[in-house]
N, C-alpha and C. Protein backbone atom coordinates (compact mmCIF):
# COMPACT_ATOMS: atom_id res chain seq x y z
N MET A 1 63.54 121.11 141.79
CA MET A 1 64.30 120.31 141.15
C MET A 1 63.12 119.58 140.06
N GLU A 2 63.28 119.68 138.90
CA GLU A 2 62.47 117.93 138.37
C GLU A 2 63.30 117.04 138.10
N LYS A 3 62.70 115.76 138.69
CA LYS A 3 63.49 114.88 138.36
C LYS A 3 63.53 114.41 137.26
N LEU A 4 64.78 113.99 136.42
CA LEU A 4 65.08 113.69 135.29
C LEU A 4 65.04 112.13 135.06
N PHE A 5 64.81 111.42 133.96
CA PHE A 5 64.36 109.90 133.84
C PHE A 5 64.41 109.88 132.21
N LYS A 6 64.93 108.76 132.19
CA LYS A 6 65.10 107.86 130.62
C LYS A 6 63.66 108.64 129.69
N ILE A 7 64.14 108.59 128.91
CA ILE A 7 63.42 109.13 127.74
C ILE A 7 62.78 107.61 126.49
N ASN A 8 61.93 106.97 126.66
CA ASN A 8 61.93 105.97 125.74
C ASN A 8 61.46 106.38 124.42
N ALA A 9 62.00 106.53 123.36
CA ALA A 9 62.23 107.73 122.25
C ALA A 9 60.99 106.43 121.62
N LYS A 10 60.24 107.17 120.72
CA LYS A 10 58.99 106.62 119.58
C LYS A 10 60.03 106.44 117.89
N GLN A 11 59.38 105.60 117.55
CA GLN A 11 60.09 105.50 116.38
C GLN A 11 59.64 106.43 115.26
N LYS A 12 60.38 106.86 114.56
CA LYS A 12 59.91 108.07 113.21
C LYS A 12 59.61 107.31 112.04
N TYR A 13 59.05 107.93 110.99
CA TYR A 13 58.92 107.21 109.47
C TYR A 13 59.45 107.80 108.65
N GLY A 14 60.04 109.08 108.96
CA GLY A 14 60.87 110.06 107.94
C GLY A 14 59.69 110.93 107.14
N ASN A 15 58.75 110.82 107.26
CA ASN A 15 58.00 112.19 106.61
C ASN A 15 57.30 112.65 107.28
N GLU A 16 58.43 113.16 109.07
CA GLU A 16 57.55 113.72 109.60
C GLU A 16 58.61 115.69 109.15
N TYR A 17 57.95 116.50 109.30
CA TYR A 17 58.60 117.69 108.84
C TYR A 17 59.77 118.44 110.19
N PHE A 18 59.98 119.01 109.82
CA PHE A 18 61.19 120.37 110.57
C PHE A 18 59.89 121.01 110.47
N THR A 19 59.92 122.19 111.77
CA THR A 19 59.38 123.25 111.72
C THR A 19 60.19 124.20 112.96
N PHE A 20 59.77 125.46 112.87
CA PHE A 20 60.26 126.55 113.07
C PHE A 20 59.19 127.94 113.32
N ASN A 21 58.91 128.24 114.73
CA ASN A 21 58.19 128.94 115.02
C ASN A 21 56.72 128.75 114.55
N GLY A 22 56.40 127.30 114.45
CA GLY A 22 54.87 126.72 114.29
C GLY A 22 55.32 126.44 112.67
N ASN A 23 55.77 126.98 111.91
CA ASN A 23 55.91 126.42 110.63
C ASN A 23 56.44 125.59 109.43
N ASN A 24 56.00 124.64 108.28
CA ASN A 24 56.92 123.95 108.09
C ASN A 24 57.83 124.20 107.22
N LEU A 25 59.13 123.63 107.47
CA LEU A 25 59.98 123.91 106.79
C LEU A 25 60.63 123.12 105.22
N GLY A 26 58.99 122.91 105.09
CA GLY A 26 59.48 122.01 103.75
C GLY A 26 60.26 121.05 103.92
N ILE A 27 61.03 120.36 105.15
CA ILE A 27 62.22 119.65 104.59
C ILE A 27 61.67 118.25 105.98
N LYS A 28 61.96 117.04 105.52
CA LYS A 28 61.77 115.77 105.75
C LYS A 28 62.33 115.18 106.63
N LEU A 29 62.15 114.37 108.05
CA LEU A 29 63.17 113.68 108.49
C LEU A 29 64.24 112.76 107.67
N LEU A 30 63.14 112.55 106.70
CA LEU A 30 63.80 111.64 105.50
C LEU A 30 65.28 112.12 105.27
N ASP A 31 64.85 113.31 104.82
CA ASP A 31 66.01 114.41 103.82
C ASP A 31 67.05 114.18 105.06
N TYR A 32 67.25 114.52 106.31
CA TYR A 32 68.15 114.61 107.38
C TYR A 32 69.17 112.93 107.07
N TRP A 33 67.89 111.58 107.56
CA TRP A 33 68.52 110.46 106.82
C TRP A 33 68.99 110.26 106.40
N LYS A 34 68.95 110.62 104.41
CA LYS A 34 70.01 110.48 103.54
C LYS A 34 70.61 111.29 103.56
N TRP A 35 70.73 112.52 103.81
CA TRP A 35 71.90 112.91 104.27
C TRP A 35 72.84 112.66 105.45
N SER A 36 72.58 112.07 106.35
CA SER A 36 73.61 111.42 107.23
C SER A 36 74.04 110.04 107.84
N SER A 37 72.74 108.90 106.67
CA SER A 37 73.07 107.70 107.19
C SER A 37 73.24 106.85 105.69
N SER A 38 73.07 107.63 104.29
CA SER A 38 73.67 106.42 103.30
C SER A 38 74.59 106.22 102.97
N ASN A 39 75.87 107.11 103.79
CA ASN A 39 77.40 106.60 103.19
C ASN A 39 77.33 104.84 104.00
N LEU A 40 77.41 104.15 103.75
CA LEU A 40 77.38 103.01 104.42
C LEU A 40 78.58 102.22 104.33
N LEU A 41 79.85 102.72 103.92
CA LEU A 41 80.70 102.47 104.30
C LEU A 41 81.72 103.11 105.14
N SER A 42 80.63 104.03 105.59
CA SER A 42 81.92 104.69 106.68
C SER A 42 81.69 103.97 107.83
N ASN A 43 82.58 103.59 108.93
CA ASN A 43 82.65 103.10 109.57
C ASN A 43 81.74 103.47 110.76
N ALA A 44 81.16 104.66 111.42
CA ALA A 44 79.84 104.41 112.21
C ALA A 44 78.59 103.88 112.07
N ILE A 45 78.61 104.53 110.40
CA ILE A 45 77.16 104.10 109.64
C ILE A 45 77.18 102.51 109.57
N ARG A 46 78.05 101.77 108.93
CA ARG A 46 78.62 100.40 108.58
C ARG A 46 78.01 99.64 109.74
N GLY A 47 78.54 99.90 111.17
CA GLY A 47 78.50 99.19 112.36
C GLY A 47 76.89 99.43 112.69
N MET A 48 76.73 100.19 112.40
CA MET A 48 75.27 100.23 112.73
C MET A 48 74.12 99.52 111.70
N PHE A 49 74.59 99.81 110.39
CA PHE A 49 73.64 98.94 109.27
C PHE A 49 74.07 97.27 109.51
N ALA A 50 74.68 96.91 109.61
CA ALA A 50 75.55 95.36 110.50
C ALA A 50 74.98 95.27 111.51
N GLU A 51 74.51 96.05 112.27
CA GLU A 51 73.69 95.33 113.87
C GLU A 51 72.09 95.09 113.17
N PHE A 52 72.03 96.12 112.05
CA PHE A 52 70.51 96.04 111.14
C PHE A 52 69.99 94.51 110.68
N ILE A 53 71.69 94.29 110.18
CA ILE A 53 71.47 92.75 108.99
C ILE A 53 71.11 91.72 109.96
N VAL A 54 72.19 91.97 110.92
CA VAL A 54 71.77 90.78 111.75
C VAL A 54 70.61 90.79 112.85
N SER A 55 70.25 91.52 113.08
CA SER A 55 68.48 92.08 113.56
C SER A 55 67.65 91.35 112.11
N MET A 56 67.67 91.69 111.31
CA MET A 56 66.72 90.95 110.19
C MET A 56 67.15 89.52 110.43
N ALA A 57 68.23 88.90 110.38
CA ALA A 57 68.63 87.64 110.43
C ALA A 57 68.17 86.94 111.82
N MET A 58 67.94 87.76 112.85
CA MET A 58 67.60 87.18 114.15
C MET A 58 65.56 87.32 113.76
N GLU A 59 65.27 88.16 113.04
CA GLU A 59 63.30 88.37 113.27
C GLU A 59 63.68 89.34 114.28
N ILE A 60 64.13 90.33 114.42
CA ILE A 60 64.12 91.00 115.43
C ILE A 60 62.91 92.13 115.73
N ASP A 61 62.16 92.37 116.13
CA ASP A 61 61.05 93.30 116.45
C ASP A 61 61.61 94.96 115.65
N PHE A 62 61.11 95.58 114.44
CA PHE A 62 61.69 96.84 113.74
C PHE A 62 60.98 98.15 114.96
N SER A 63 59.80 97.32 115.15
CA SER A 63 58.51 98.61 115.74
C SER A 63 59.53 99.54 116.91
N SER A 64 60.39 99.18 117.33
CA SER A 64 60.93 100.05 118.39
C SER A 64 62.46 100.65 117.93
N VAL A 65 62.76 101.69 118.82
CA VAL A 65 64.10 102.05 118.00
C VAL A 65 65.34 101.68 118.73
N ARG A 66 66.14 101.76 117.90
CA ARG A 66 67.74 101.19 118.63
C ARG A 66 68.38 101.35 119.68
N GLU A 67 68.71 101.44 120.50
CA GLU A 67 69.40 101.85 121.74
C GLU A 67 70.43 102.00 121.55
N ASP A 68 70.90 103.00 121.98
CA ASP A 68 72.88 103.36 121.65
C ASP A 68 73.63 102.91 123.01
N TRP A 69 72.71 102.87 123.94
CA TRP A 69 73.69 102.89 125.25
C TRP A 69 73.50 101.44 125.92
N LYS A 70 73.55 100.74 125.53
CA LYS A 70 73.53 99.02 126.24
C LYS A 70 74.42 98.75 126.04
N PRO A 71 74.62 97.48 126.90
CA PRO A 71 76.11 97.00 127.03
C PRO A 71 76.25 96.02 125.90
N TYR A 72 75.52 95.53 125.16
CA TYR A 72 75.48 94.97 123.70
C TYR A 72 74.14 95.79 122.53
N ASP A 73 74.51 94.67 121.49
CA ASP A 73 74.03 95.78 119.94
C ASP A 73 72.50 94.97 120.25
N ILE A 74 71.86 93.91 120.52
CA ILE A 74 70.71 93.22 120.00
C ILE A 74 70.74 92.10 121.51
N GLU A 75 69.17 92.15 121.71
CA GLU A 75 68.70 90.96 122.41
C GLU A 75 67.70 90.07 121.52
N THR A 76 67.57 88.86 121.71
CA THR A 76 66.81 88.47 120.56
C THR A 76 65.57 87.78 121.56
N LYS A 77 64.35 87.36 121.21
CA LYS A 77 63.15 87.00 121.84
C LYS A 77 63.51 86.31 122.89
N GLU A 78 64.34 85.33 122.48
CA GLU A 78 64.60 83.96 124.05
C GLU A 78 65.69 84.85 124.83
N GLY A 79 66.36 86.02 124.76
CA GLY A 79 67.24 86.94 125.61
C GLY A 79 68.44 86.61 125.26
N ILE A 80 68.89 86.22 124.63
CA ILE A 80 69.78 86.22 123.93
C ILE A 80 70.69 87.41 123.50
N LYS A 81 71.80 88.18 124.10
CA LYS A 81 72.57 89.15 124.21
C LYS A 81 73.69 89.03 122.79
N ILE A 82 73.37 89.97 121.88
CA ILE A 82 74.68 89.75 120.92
C ILE A 82 75.58 91.03 120.79
N GLU A 83 76.29 91.07 120.40
CA GLU A 83 77.04 91.97 119.99
C GLU A 83 77.69 91.91 118.68
N VAL A 84 77.08 93.02 118.25
CA VAL A 84 77.94 92.88 116.34
C VAL A 84 79.10 93.66 116.20
N LYS A 85 79.90 92.91 115.88
CA LYS A 85 81.39 94.03 115.34
C LYS A 85 81.37 94.04 113.98
N THR A 86 82.00 94.82 113.26
CA THR A 86 82.05 95.28 111.42
C THR A 86 83.51 95.83 111.06
N SER A 87 83.76 95.25 110.22
CA SER A 87 85.04 95.38 109.88
C SER A 87 85.07 95.49 108.05
N ALA A 88 85.79 95.92 107.38
CA ALA A 88 85.68 95.91 106.09
C ALA A 88 87.37 96.08 105.12
N TYR A 89 87.25 95.60 103.73
CA TYR A 89 88.86 95.80 103.09
C TYR A 89 88.84 97.34 102.30
N LEU A 90 87.53 97.81 102.52
CA LEU A 90 87.31 99.33 101.96
C LEU A 90 86.37 99.95 102.66
N GLN A 91 87.31 101.26 102.20
CA GLN A 91 86.97 102.06 103.28
C GLN A 91 86.34 103.78 102.76
N SER A 92 85.51 104.44 103.14
CA SER A 92 85.53 105.45 102.34
C SER A 92 86.22 106.64 101.83
N TRP A 93 87.02 106.23 102.58
CA TRP A 93 88.18 107.44 102.25
C TRP A 93 89.30 106.45 101.20
N PHE A 94 90.67 107.73 100.91
CA PHE A 94 91.20 106.69 99.90
C PHE A 94 92.15 106.24 100.34
N GLN A 95 92.45 105.42 99.82
CA GLN A 95 93.21 104.22 100.40
C GLN A 95 94.39 103.58 99.45
N ASN A 96 95.79 103.63 100.18
CA ASN A 96 96.80 103.05 99.33
C ASN A 96 96.42 101.40 99.10
N ASN A 97 96.16 100.73 100.29
CA ASN A 97 96.13 99.51 100.13
C ASN A 97 94.29 98.66 101.13
N TYR A 98 94.08 97.60 100.75
CA TYR A 98 92.77 97.22 101.99
C TYR A 98 93.39 97.48 103.45
N SER A 99 92.37 97.81 104.01
CA SER A 99 92.02 97.75 105.21
C SER A 99 92.36 96.37 106.11
N LYS A 100 93.17 96.34 107.21
CA LYS A 100 93.42 95.10 107.99
C LYS A 100 92.03 94.71 108.34
N ILE A 101 91.54 93.36 108.49
CA ILE A 101 90.37 92.81 108.99
C ILE A 101 90.53 92.49 110.43
N LEU A 102 90.21 93.77 111.63
CA LEU A 102 90.57 93.46 112.82
C LEU A 102 88.62 93.85 113.78
N PHE A 103 88.90 93.20 114.94
CA PHE A 103 87.59 93.17 115.63
C PHE A 103 88.50 93.25 116.99
N SER A 104 87.60 94.38 117.64
CA SER A 104 88.08 94.57 119.14
C SER A 104 86.88 93.99 120.41
N ILE A 105 87.30 92.94 120.96
CA ILE A 105 86.20 92.70 122.39
C ILE A 105 86.83 92.82 123.49
N LYS A 106 87.50 93.77 123.72
CA LYS A 106 88.49 94.22 124.79
C LYS A 106 86.82 94.14 126.10
N PRO A 107 87.16 93.67 127.07
CA PRO A 107 86.00 94.08 127.97
C PRO A 107 85.83 95.31 128.41
N ALA A 108 84.79 95.80 128.65
CA ALA A 108 84.32 97.26 128.72
C ALA A 108 83.30 97.34 129.73
N ARG A 109 83.36 98.46 130.69
CA ARG A 109 82.30 99.50 131.35
C ARG A 109 81.27 99.54 131.04
N TYR A 110 80.17 99.27 132.00
CA TYR A 110 78.98 99.05 131.17
C TYR A 110 77.96 100.73 131.94
N TRP A 111 77.59 101.61 131.31
CA TRP A 111 76.72 102.42 131.92
C TRP A 111 74.85 102.24 131.88
N ASP A 112 74.73 102.09 132.82
CA ASP A 112 73.14 101.99 132.75
C ASP A 112 72.37 103.04 132.81
N ALA A 113 71.51 103.03 131.66
CA ALA A 113 70.78 104.09 131.63
C ALA A 113 69.76 104.54 132.24
N GLU A 114 69.28 103.18 132.75
CA GLU A 114 68.27 103.53 133.71
C GLU A 114 68.16 103.84 135.01
N THR A 115 69.88 103.57 135.44
CA THR A 115 69.92 103.98 136.98
C THR A 115 70.92 104.99 136.53
N ASN A 116 71.67 105.87 135.82
CA ASN A 116 72.48 106.41 135.52
C ASN A 116 73.66 106.29 136.15
N ILE A 117 74.38 104.82 136.18
CA ILE A 117 75.29 104.67 137.02
C ILE A 117 76.11 103.67 136.24
N LEU A 118 78.01 103.83 136.34
CA LEU A 118 78.60 103.44 135.41
C LEU A 118 79.26 102.15 136.38
N LEU A 119 79.50 101.47 135.63
CA LEU A 119 79.43 99.99 136.51
C LEU A 119 81.19 99.72 136.36
N LYS A 120 81.88 99.78 137.70
CA LYS A 120 82.92 99.76 137.49
C LYS A 120 84.20 98.44 137.11
N GLU A 121 83.34 97.59 137.38
CA GLU A 121 84.08 96.26 136.83
C GLU A 121 84.17 95.86 134.93
N LYS A 122 84.98 95.93 134.35
CA LYS A 122 85.08 95.57 133.23
C LYS A 122 85.15 93.70 132.94
N SER A 123 83.85 94.08 131.71
CA SER A 123 83.45 92.38 130.92
C SER A 123 82.60 92.47 129.72
N ARG A 124 82.73 91.14 129.60
CA ARG A 124 82.09 90.96 128.18
C ARG A 124 80.39 90.74 128.52
N HIS A 125 79.71 91.62 128.49
CA HIS A 125 78.64 92.01 128.42
C HIS A 125 77.62 90.82 127.19
N SER A 126 77.85 90.12 126.23
CA SER A 126 76.97 90.17 125.33
C SER A 126 77.37 88.35 125.55
N ASP A 127 76.32 87.61 124.89
CA ASP A 127 76.62 85.91 124.97
C ASP A 127 77.43 85.76 123.93
N ILE A 128 76.94 86.35 122.50
CA ILE A 128 77.70 85.57 121.95
C ILE A 128 78.03 87.20 120.80
N TYR A 129 78.90 86.82 120.11
CA TYR A 129 79.58 87.88 118.96
C TYR A 129 79.48 87.34 117.85
N VAL A 130 78.71 88.50 116.94
CA VAL A 130 78.73 88.59 115.32
C VAL A 130 79.62 89.19 114.48
N PHE A 131 80.71 88.94 114.13
CA PHE A 131 81.89 89.01 113.29
C PHE A 131 81.06 89.61 111.93
N CYS A 132 81.18 90.63 111.42
CA CYS A 132 80.39 90.72 110.44
C CYS A 132 81.76 91.65 109.19
N VAL A 133 81.96 90.68 108.02
CA VAL A 133 82.89 91.45 107.64
C VAL A 133 82.41 91.88 105.54
N LEU A 134 82.60 93.07 105.89
CA LEU A 134 82.31 93.20 104.06
C LEU A 134 83.40 93.07 103.70
N LYS A 135 83.49 91.86 102.75
CA LYS A 135 84.52 91.02 101.74
C LYS A 135 85.00 91.97 100.70
N HIS A 136 83.87 92.65 100.32
CA HIS A 136 84.36 92.99 98.29
C HIS A 136 85.55 93.95 98.12
N LYS A 137 85.92 93.72 97.41
CA LYS A 137 87.17 94.19 97.17
C LYS A 137 87.21 95.23 96.11
N GLU A 138 85.83 95.76 95.36
CA GLU A 138 86.06 96.48 94.12
C GLU A 138 85.60 97.67 94.44
N LYS A 139 85.99 98.73 94.68
CA LYS A 139 85.62 100.02 94.95
C LYS A 139 84.51 100.51 93.76
N ASN A 140 84.15 100.07 92.61
CA ASN A 140 83.60 100.35 91.64
C ASN A 140 82.04 99.53 91.94
N THR A 141 82.14 98.89 92.82
CA THR A 141 80.90 97.60 92.53
C THR A 141 80.36 97.19 94.21
N VAL A 142 81.38 97.75 95.03
CA VAL A 142 80.81 97.52 96.41
C VAL A 142 79.81 98.13 96.93
N ASP A 143 78.91 96.81 97.65
CA ASP A 143 77.14 97.69 98.09
C ASP A 143 76.73 96.73 99.09
N PRO A 144 77.61 97.55 100.07
CA PRO A 144 76.39 96.92 101.52
C PRO A 144 75.38 96.25 101.77
N LEU A 145 74.37 96.81 100.63
CA LEU A 145 72.65 96.14 100.47
C LEU A 145 73.01 94.65 100.03
N ASN A 146 73.75 94.31 99.37
CA ASN A 146 73.99 92.97 98.60
C ASN A 146 74.88 92.27 99.47
N LEU A 147 73.84 91.75 100.09
CA LEU A 147 74.62 90.68 101.13
C LEU A 147 75.28 89.68 100.77
N ASP A 148 75.73 89.09 99.39
CA ASP A 148 76.57 88.34 99.16
C ASP A 148 78.06 89.09 99.41
N GLN A 149 77.71 90.09 99.53
CA GLN A 149 79.48 91.14 99.51
C GLN A 149 79.77 90.74 101.02
N TRP A 150 78.90 90.74 101.97
CA TRP A 150 79.55 90.01 103.34
C TRP A 150 79.99 88.58 103.76
N ASP A 151 80.89 88.46 104.68
CA ASP A 151 80.88 86.94 105.39
C ASP A 151 80.39 87.37 106.89
N PHE A 152 79.75 85.99 107.66
CA PHE A 152 79.27 86.47 108.68
C PHE A 152 79.87 85.32 109.69
N TYR A 153 80.62 85.64 110.77
CA TYR A 153 81.16 84.63 111.67
C TYR A 153 80.32 84.79 113.19
N VAL A 154 79.66 83.83 113.62
CA VAL A 154 79.28 83.77 115.09
C VAL A 154 79.98 83.03 116.32
N ILE A 155 80.27 83.57 117.55
CA ILE A 155 81.05 82.87 118.12
C ILE A 155 80.86 83.26 119.40
N PRO A 156 80.96 82.15 120.50
CA PRO A 156 80.01 82.44 121.77
C PRO A 156 80.82 82.95 122.68
N THR A 157 81.25 84.34 123.08
CA THR A 157 81.68 85.36 124.26
C THR A 157 82.41 84.25 125.04
N LYS A 158 81.87 83.03 125.67
CA LYS A 158 82.77 82.43 126.45
C LYS A 158 84.45 81.78 125.96
N LYS A 159 84.21 82.12 124.52
CA LYS A 159 85.59 81.71 123.73
C LYS A 159 86.44 82.63 123.47
């Protein structure tokens, strides 16, 4: 039986084509990204987008691929582990009222992708939290790309 191990994903650029039976289908990876990730108000996408914003601010190297299964979101050159949380008043679905700004920081278990072991002890694995609030309240003009529409709060995990 072949031993399985973690695969280090290589960064894509968006100009790669889908193929079938060796034939180029004329559809690029960028087409998928536009289809799947353009709704920056979606909770799942907004979370990853906020990680990207914080990474920009921390001057994180973007030449690698984002890892989904780490127990924290970002690690700086200095080894500081950052957990990014996001919330917004506006959502991509119908709302009667603004959403409440809430963040969960409950301790969690950690699955190690290198060893395939789920650690039993729950804890907070980051050194700091960055709470990102998309504070804009007008659906017609909300633009997550406009960083003026965000507030950021940095709090040490030990607090």
